Amino acid sequence: MPSNEVLEERRQLIVAEAVDASPQVMRVVVDMALGGDLEAAKLVLKVAGLDLSGGNRANVQNAIQINITAEEQRQLERDFPDDLPG
């Protein structure tokens, strides 16, 4: 059996390969989602950090805050006040 060091080195190689391939994989998944594949669409939205449980708007805002600047956040808050219907 390989040593722990060898196993860790192999695991790191697998992780590196997965990270390198992830943009291509996501492109395929997005294309599948756009083609109507509901499971692919759920995965894309989940990876984007969107709450699919029907939760409140705060969960979506938190996901968005990770990906935008503070000024963009303020602009969104001006454009989309909390008192919108729905």
N, C-alpha and C. Protein backbone atom coordinates (compact mmCIF):
# COMPACT_ATOMS: atom_id res chain seq x y z
N MET A 1 0.84 -1.18 0.00
CA MET A 1 0.00 0.00 0.00
C MET A 1 0.89 1.24 0.00
N PRO A 2 0.51 2.26 -0.81
CA PRO A 2 1.33 3.48 -0.87
C PRO A 2 1.31 4.22 0.47
N SER A 3 2.36 4.97 0.72
CA SER A 3 2.44 5.75 1.95
C SER A 3 1.43 6.90 1.93
N ASN A 4 1.20 7.47 3.10
CA ASN A 4 0.29 8.61 3.20
C ASN A 4 0.76 9.77 2.32
N GLU A 5 2.05 9.97 2.23
CA GLU A 5 2.60 11.05 1.42
C GLU A 5 2.28 10.83 -0.06
N VAL A 6 2.44 9.59 -0.51
CA VAL A 6 2.14 9.26 -1.91
C VAL A 6 0.65 9.42 -2.18
N LEU A 7 -0.18 8.95 -1.26
CA LEU A 7 -1.63 9.10 -1.43
C LEU A 7 -2.03 10.57 -1.49
N GLU A 8 -1.43 11.39 -0.64
CA GLU A 8 -1.74 12.82 -0.64
C GLU A 8 -1.29 13.47 -1.95
N GLU A 9 -0.14 13.07 -2.44
CA GLU A 9 0.36 13.60 -3.71
C GLU A 9 -0.59 13.24 -4.86
N ARG A 10 -1.07 12.01 -4.86
CA ARG A 10 -2.03 11.58 -5.89
C ARG A 10 -3.34 12.35 -5.76
N ARG A 11 -3.79 12.55 -4.53
CA ARG A 11 -5.03 13.30 -4.32
C ARG A 11 -4.88 14.73 -4.83
N GLN A 12 -3.73 15.34 -4.56
CA GLN A 12 -3.49 16.70 -5.02
C GLN A 12 -3.48 16.77 -6.55
N LEU A 13 -2.96 15.75 -7.21
CA LEU A 13 -2.98 15.71 -8.67
C LEU A 13 -4.41 15.64 -9.21
N ILE A 14 -5.24 14.84 -8.54
CA ILE A 14 -6.64 14.72 -8.94
C ILE A 14 -7.36 16.05 -8.74
N VAL A 15 -7.10 16.69 -7.60
CA VAL A 15 -7.72 17.98 -7.33
C VAL A 15 -7.29 19.00 -8.38
N ALA A 16 -6.02 19.04 -8.71
CA ALA A 16 -5.53 19.99 -9.71
C ALA A 16 -6.17 19.73 -11.07
N GLU A 17 -6.31 18.48 -11.44
CA GLU A 17 -6.94 18.14 -12.71
C GLU A 17 -8.42 18.57 -12.71
N ALA A 18 -9.09 18.34 -11.60
CA ALA A 18 -10.51 18.73 -11.49
C ALA A 18 -10.66 20.25 -11.59
N VAL A 19 -9.79 20.97 -10.92
CA VAL A 19 -9.85 22.44 -10.98
C VAL A 19 -9.57 22.92 -12.40
N ASP A 20 -8.60 22.34 -13.06
CA ASP A 20 -8.28 22.72 -14.44
C ASP A 20 -9.45 22.45 -15.39
N ALA A 21 -10.17 21.36 -15.15
CA ALA A 21 -11.27 20.97 -16.05
C ALA A 21 -12.58 21.67 -15.71
N SER A 22 -12.68 22.27 -14.54
CA SER A 22 -13.98 22.80 -14.09
C SER A 22 -14.61 23.83 -15.03
N PRO A 23 -13.86 24.75 -15.66
CA PRO A 23 -14.53 25.66 -16.59
C PRO A 23 -15.18 24.93 -17.77
N GLN A 24 -14.51 23.95 -18.30
CA GLN A 24 -15.07 23.17 -19.41
C GLN A 24 -16.29 22.38 -18.96
N VAL A 25 -16.19 21.79 -17.78
CA VAL A 25 -17.31 21.00 -17.25
C VAL A 25 -18.52 21.91 -17.05
N MET A 26 -18.30 23.07 -16.44
CA MET A 26 -19.41 23.99 -16.20
C MET A 26 -20.00 24.50 -17.51
N ARG A 27 -19.19 24.69 -18.52
CA ARG A 27 -19.71 25.14 -19.82
C ARG A 27 -20.68 24.09 -20.36
N VAL A 28 -20.32 22.81 -20.25
CA VAL A 28 -21.20 21.73 -20.70
C VAL A 28 -22.48 21.71 -19.88
N VAL A 29 -22.35 21.85 -18.56
CA VAL A 29 -23.52 21.82 -17.69
C VAL A 29 -24.44 23.01 -17.99
N VAL A 30 -23.86 24.19 -18.20
CA VAL A 30 -24.67 25.36 -18.54
C VAL A 30 -25.39 25.13 -19.87
N ASP A 31 -24.70 24.59 -20.84
CA ASP A 31 -25.34 24.29 -22.14
C ASP A 31 -26.48 23.30 -21.96
N MET A 32 -26.29 22.30 -21.11
CA MET A 32 -27.36 21.33 -20.84
C MET A 32 -28.55 22.03 -20.19
N ALA A 33 -28.25 22.93 -19.23
CA ALA A 33 -29.32 23.66 -18.55
C ALA A 33 -30.10 24.52 -19.54
N LEU A 34 -29.38 25.19 -20.40
CA LEU A 34 -30.04 26.03 -21.40
C LEU A 34 -30.86 25.20 -22.38
N GLY A 35 -30.49 23.94 -22.54
CA GLY A 35 -31.23 23.03 -23.41
C GLY A 35 -32.44 22.41 -22.74
N GLY A 36 -32.68 22.77 -21.48
CA GLY A 36 -33.87 22.29 -20.81
C GLY A 36 -33.65 21.21 -19.77
N ASP A 37 -32.41 20.84 -19.50
CA ASP A 37 -32.12 19.81 -18.50
C ASP A 37 -32.29 20.42 -17.11
N LEU A 38 -33.37 20.04 -16.42
CA LEU A 38 -33.69 20.63 -15.12
C LEU A 38 -32.63 20.34 -14.07
N GLU A 39 -32.09 19.14 -14.05
CA GLU A 39 -31.05 18.81 -13.06
C GLU A 39 -29.80 19.65 -13.30
N ALA A 40 -29.45 19.84 -14.57
CA ALA A 40 -28.29 20.69 -14.89
C ALA A 40 -28.56 22.13 -14.46
N ALA A 41 -29.79 22.60 -14.68
CA ALA A 41 -30.15 23.97 -14.28
C ALA A 41 -30.05 24.12 -12.77
N LYS A 42 -30.53 23.13 -12.02
CA LYS A 42 -30.44 23.18 -10.56
C LYS A 42 -28.97 23.24 -10.12
N LEU A 43 -28.13 22.45 -10.77
CA LEU A 43 -26.71 22.44 -10.41
C LEU A 43 -26.08 23.79 -10.69
N VAL A 44 -26.37 24.37 -11.85
CA VAL A 44 -25.80 25.68 -12.20
C VAL A 44 -26.21 26.72 -11.16
N LEU A 45 -27.49 26.75 -10.82
CA LEU A 45 -27.97 27.72 -9.84
C LEU A 45 -27.36 27.47 -8.46
N LYS A 46 -27.21 26.22 -8.10
CA LYS A 46 -26.60 25.89 -6.81
C LYS A 46 -25.14 26.33 -6.77
N VAL A 47 -24.40 26.06 -7.85
CA VAL A 47 -23.00 26.48 -7.92
C VAL A 47 -22.90 28.00 -7.84
N ALA A 48 -23.89 28.69 -8.41
CA ALA A 48 -23.91 30.16 -8.38
C ALA A 48 -24.27 30.69 -7.00
N GLY A 49 -24.68 29.80 -6.09
CA GLY A 49 -24.99 30.22 -4.74
C GLY A 49 -26.42 30.67 -4.55
N LEU A 50 -27.28 30.34 -5.49
CA LEU A 50 -28.68 30.75 -5.39
C LEU A 50 -29.48 29.73 -4.60
N ASP A 51 -30.37 30.21 -3.78
CA ASP A 51 -31.20 29.36 -2.93
C ASP A 51 -32.36 28.81 -3.73
N LEU A 52 -32.44 27.51 -3.87
CA LEU A 52 -33.49 26.88 -4.66
C LEU A 52 -34.65 26.39 -3.80
N SER A 53 -34.60 26.67 -2.51
CA SER A 53 -35.61 26.13 -1.61
C SER A 53 -36.83 27.03 -1.48
N GLY A 54 -36.84 28.14 -2.23
CA GLY A 54 -37.93 29.08 -2.08
C GLY A 54 -37.72 29.98 -0.88
N GLY A 55 -36.48 30.04 -0.41
CA GLY A 55 -36.16 30.86 0.75
C GLY A 55 -36.30 32.34 0.45
N ASN A 56 -35.99 33.13 1.44
CA ASN A 56 -36.18 34.57 1.28
C ASN A 56 -35.09 35.19 0.42
N ARG A 57 -35.32 36.43 0.07
CA ARG A 57 -34.43 37.16 -0.82
C ARG A 57 -33.04 37.36 -0.21
N ALA A 58 -32.93 37.35 1.11
CA ALA A 58 -31.64 37.57 1.76
C ALA A 58 -30.63 36.52 1.35
N ASN A 59 -31.06 35.28 1.14
CA ASN A 59 -30.13 34.23 0.72
C ASN A 59 -29.53 34.54 -0.64
N VAL A 60 -30.32 35.05 -1.54
CA VAL A 60 -29.83 35.41 -2.87
C VAL A 60 -28.91 36.61 -2.76
N GLN A 61 -29.28 37.60 -1.96
CA GLN A 61 -28.44 38.77 -1.79
C GLN A 61 -27.06 38.38 -1.27
N ASN A 62 -27.00 37.47 -0.31
CA ASN A 62 -25.72 37.05 0.23
C ASN A 62 -24.85 36.42 -0.84
N ALA A 63 -25.46 35.65 -1.72
CA ALA A 63 -24.70 35.03 -2.80
C ALA A 63 -24.18 36.10 -3.75
N ILE A 64 -25.00 37.09 -4.02
CA ILE A 64 -24.60 38.16 -4.93
C ILE A 64 -23.49 39.00 -4.32
N GLN A 65 -23.55 39.26 -3.04
CA GLN A 65 -22.55 40.10 -2.40
C GLN A 65 -21.15 39.56 -2.56
N ILE A 66 -21.03 38.28 -2.69
CA ILE A 66 -19.72 37.67 -2.86
C ILE A 66 -19.10 38.07 -4.19
N ASN A 67 -19.95 38.33 -5.19
CA ASN A 67 -19.47 38.51 -6.55
C ASN A 67 -19.51 39.94 -7.07
N ILE A 68 -19.89 40.91 -6.25
CA ILE A 68 -19.98 42.29 -6.71
C ILE A 68 -19.26 43.21 -5.75
N THR A 69 -18.96 44.40 -6.25
CA THR A 69 -18.29 45.39 -5.41
C THR A 69 -19.31 46.05 -4.49
N ALA A 70 -18.80 46.76 -3.50
CA ALA A 70 -19.69 47.47 -2.57
C ALA A 70 -20.51 48.51 -3.31
N GLU A 71 -19.93 49.19 -4.28
CA GLU A 71 -20.68 50.19 -5.05
C GLU A 71 -21.78 49.53 -5.88
N GLU A 72 -21.48 48.39 -6.47
CA GLU A 72 -22.52 47.67 -7.23
C GLU A 72 -23.64 47.22 -6.30
N GLN A 73 -23.30 46.80 -5.10
CA GLN A 73 -24.31 46.42 -4.10
C GLN A 73 -25.22 47.60 -3.79
N ARG A 74 -24.62 48.78 -3.55
CA ARG A 74 -25.42 49.97 -3.24
C ARG A 74 -26.34 50.32 -4.40
N GLN A 75 -25.83 50.20 -5.62
CA GLN A 75 -26.65 50.49 -6.80
C GLN A 75 -27.83 49.53 -6.89
N LEU A 76 -27.58 48.25 -6.65
CA LEU A 76 -28.68 47.27 -6.67
C LEU A 76 -29.70 47.59 -5.60
N GLU A 77 -29.24 47.98 -4.42
CA GLU A 77 -30.17 48.31 -3.34
C GLU A 77 -31.00 49.54 -3.69
N ARG A 78 -30.41 50.49 -4.43
CA ARG A 78 -31.18 51.65 -4.88
C ARG A 78 -32.19 51.25 -5.94
N ASP A 79 -31.77 50.35 -6.85
CA ASP A 79 -32.63 49.95 -7.97
C ASP A 79 -33.74 48.99 -7.55
N PHE A 80 -33.48 48.19 -6.51
CA PHE A 80 -34.44 47.15 -6.09
C PHE A 80 -34.73 47.29 -4.61
N PRO A 81 -35.59 48.23 -4.24
CA PRO A 81 -35.90 48.41 -2.82
C PRO A 81 -36.61 47.18 -2.26
N ASP A 82 -36.56 47.03 -0.95
CA ASP A 82 -37.15 45.89 -0.26
C ASP A 82 -38.67 45.83 -0.35
N ASP A 83 -39.31 46.94 -0.69
CA ASP A 83 -40.77 46.96 -0.69
C ASP A 83 -41.38 46.56 -2.04
N LEU A 84 -40.60 45.90 -2.89
CA LEU A 84 -41.15 45.44 -4.17
C LEU A 84 -42.18 44.34 -3.92
N PRO A 85 -43.25 44.29 -4.72
CA PRO A 85 -44.22 43.21 -4.55
C PRO A 85 -43.62 41.86 -4.92
N GLY A 86 -44.13 40.80 -4.29
CA GLY A 86 -43.71 39.45 -4.63
C GLY A 86 -42.58 39.03 -3.82
